[in-house]
């Protein structure tokens, strides 16, 4: 397990309904800069990288892709936001979700999925993040 900056600590996280389906929510406060959770999954072969249709693919590097579709990967429940409270950092061939700011209990965790994923999967359906579709809009 990583030490220091990339140690996930003991954050209490809960999967529950959100605007975009299921989401991952903070159940306890999370400090700015904290490592919230690791994005985990099966490492794909080069061939699988080009043929896999999973929506949970995560490129760690140009040569390493993981499929995070397993429900044991709690980070798979973190939804996209155009104004996220988390960001991705890769280190040692692994992906970690880091808090961009202090996160209060009850807040949904989010990060920006990136332009390529957004264009392929989110834009056609319409973005449902808090910035793009606030309650009452």
Protein backbone atom coordinates (compact mmCIF):
# COMPACT_ATOMS: atom_id res chain seq x y z
CA UNK A 1 0.00 0.00 0.00
CA UNK A 2 1.33 3.46 -0.81
CA UNK A 3 2.52 5.71 1.97
CA UNK A 4 2.23 9.43 2.47
CA UNK A 5 0.36 11.47 -0.12
CA UNK A 6 -1.20 8.42 -1.82
CA UNK A 7 -2.41 6.63 1.31
CA UNK A 8 -6.21 6.50 1.09
CA UNK A 9 -6.76 6.88 4.83
CA UNK A 10 -10.02 5.93 6.44
CA UNK A 11 -12.59 8.06 4.63
CA UNK A 12 -16.14 6.85 5.08
CA UNK A 13 -17.67 6.64 1.60
CA UNK A 14 -21.20 5.56 0.65
CA UNK A 15 -22.65 4.52 -2.72
CA UNK A 16 -26.17 5.85 -3.21
CA UNK A 17 -28.52 7.39 -5.80
CA UNK A 18 -27.41 10.59 -7.44
CA UNK A 19 -28.58 12.79 -10.31
CA UNK A 20 -26.53 10.70 -12.77
CA UNK A 21 -27.45 7.22 -11.42
CA UNK A 22 -25.37 5.83 -8.59
CA UNK A 23 -22.71 8.04 -7.06
CA UNK A 24 -20.05 7.93 -4.35
CA UNK A 25 -20.65 10.27 -1.41
CA UNK A 26 -18.51 11.39 1.52
CA UNK A 27 -19.93 10.20 4.83
CA UNK A 28 -17.17 11.93 6.80
CA UNK A 29 -15.21 15.14 6.13
CA UNK A 30 -12.33 14.91 3.63
CA UNK A 31 -9.46 17.40 3.78
CA UNK A 32 -8.17 19.23 0.72
CA UNK A 33 -5.27 17.29 -0.82
CA UNK A 34 -6.29 13.99 0.77
CA UNK A 35 -6.17 10.76 -1.19
CA UNK A 36 -9.82 9.69 -1.20
CA UNK A 37 -9.78 6.33 -2.97
CA UNK A 38 -7.79 4.36 -5.54
CA UNK A 39 -9.28 3.52 -8.97
CA UNK A 40 -8.68 -0.22 -9.22
CA UNK A 41 -9.33 -2.87 -11.81
CA UNK A 42 -7.97 -5.62 -13.99
CA UNK A 43 -5.02 -4.66 -16.20
CA UNK A 44 -5.94 -5.25 -19.84
CA UNK A 45 -3.76 -6.77 -22.51
CA UNK A 46 -2.92 -4.57 -25.51
CA UNK A 47 -5.54 -6.40 -27.61
CA UNK A 48 -8.23 -6.03 -24.91
CA UNK A 49 -7.47 -2.31 -24.69
CA UNK A 50 -8.66 -1.91 -28.28
CA UNK A 51 -11.63 -4.31 -28.14
CA UNK A 52 -13.07 -3.86 -24.62
CA UNK A 53 -16.40 -1.98 -24.61
CA UNK A 54 -16.49 -1.24 -20.86
CA UNK A 55 -17.35 2.33 -19.83
CA UNK A 56 -15.04 1.91 -16.82
CA UNK A 57 -11.73 1.86 -18.71
CA UNK A 58 -9.02 4.00 -17.17
CA UNK A 59 -5.75 4.78 -18.94
CA UNK A 60 -2.93 4.81 -16.40
CA UNK A 61 -0.34 5.45 -19.11
CA UNK A 62 0.12 4.97 -22.86
CA UNK A 63 0.84 1.29 -22.18
CA UNK A 64 -1.40 0.48 -19.22
CA UNK A 65 -5.21 0.38 -19.21
CA UNK A 66 -7.37 -0.97 -16.40
CA UNK A 67 -11.00 -2.04 -16.48
CA UNK A 68 -12.62 -0.78 -13.28
CA UNK A 69 -16.05 -2.30 -13.83
CA UNK A 70 -15.86 -4.63 -10.79
CA UNK A 71 -18.22 -3.42 -8.05
CA UNK A 72 -15.37 -3.78 -5.56
CA UNK A 73 -13.82 -0.70 -7.24
CA UNK A 74 -15.64 1.99 -5.25
CA UNK A 75 -14.06 4.71 -7.40
CA UNK A 76 -16.16 3.51 -10.37
CA UNK A 77 -19.15 5.20 -8.73
CA UNK A 78 -17.57 8.67 -8.85
CA UNK A 79 -19.45 10.68 -11.45
CA UNK A 80 -18.22 13.30 -13.91
CA UNK A 81 -18.51 16.99 -13.12
CA UNK A 82 -17.53 20.06 -15.09
CA UNK A 83 -16.76 21.64 -11.67
CA UNK A 84 -15.31 18.66 -9.74
CA UNK A 85 -14.26 18.40 -6.10
CA UNK A 86 -11.64 15.71 -6.88
CA UNK A 87 -8.92 15.11 -9.45
CA UNK A 88 -6.88 12.14 -10.64
CA UNK A 89 -3.21 11.64 -9.91
CA UNK A 90 -1.27 8.67 -11.21
CA UNK A 91 1.74 7.34 -9.37
CA UNK A 92 3.59 4.05 -9.61
CA UNK A 93 1.29 2.73 -12.34
CA UNK A 94 -1.83 3.35 -10.23
CA UNK A 95 -4.63 5.96 -10.24
CA UNK A 96 -5.70 7.84 -7.14
CA UNK A 97 -8.62 10.21 -6.62
CA UNK A 98 -7.48 13.26 -4.66
CA UNK A 99 -9.61 15.95 -2.98
CA UNK A 100 -9.19 19.30 -4.81
CA UNK A 101 -10.83 21.07 -1.88
CA UNK A 102 -12.34 20.23 1.51
CA UNK A 103 -15.36 17.96 1.06
CA UNK A 104 -18.22 17.96 3.56
CA UNK A 105 -20.18 14.90 4.71
CA UNK A 106 -23.07 14.27 2.30
CA UNK A 107 -21.29 15.72 -0.76
CA UNK A 108 -21.08 13.63 -3.90
CA UNK A 109 -17.53 13.00 -5.12
CA UNK A 110 -16.77 13.99 -8.71
CA UNK A 111 -13.92 14.48 -11.15
CA UNK A 112 -13.69 15.63 -14.74
CA UNK A 113 -13.59 12.54 -16.97
CA UNK A 114 -11.72 14.37 -19.72
CA UNK A 115 -12.67 15.67 -23.15
CA UNK A 116 -12.46 12.34 -25.02
CA UNK A 117 -14.79 10.48 -22.62
CA UNK A 118 -17.09 13.50 -22.32
CA UNK A 119 -17.49 13.79 -26.10
CA UNK A 120 -18.08 10.05 -26.58
CA UNK A 121 -20.35 9.24 -23.63
CA UNK A 122 -21.68 12.30 -21.79
CA UNK A 123 -22.36 15.04 -24.36
CA UNK A 124 -24.75 12.88 -26.44
CA UNK A 125 -26.94 12.29 -23.35
CA UNK A 126 -26.46 15.76 -21.87
CA UNK A 127 -24.27 16.51 -18.87
CA UNK A 128 -26.11 16.02 -15.57
CA UNK A 129 -23.49 17.45 -13.23
CA UNK A 130 -24.43 20.18 -10.70
CA UNK A 131 -22.78 22.89 -12.81
CA UNK A 132 -24.65 21.97 -16.00
CA UNK A 133 -28.04 20.99 -14.60
CA UNK A 134 -28.54 22.55 -11.17
CA UNK A 135 -31.68 21.70 -9.21
CA UNK A 136 -34.57 23.82 -10.34
CA UNK A 137 -33.15 24.49 -13.81
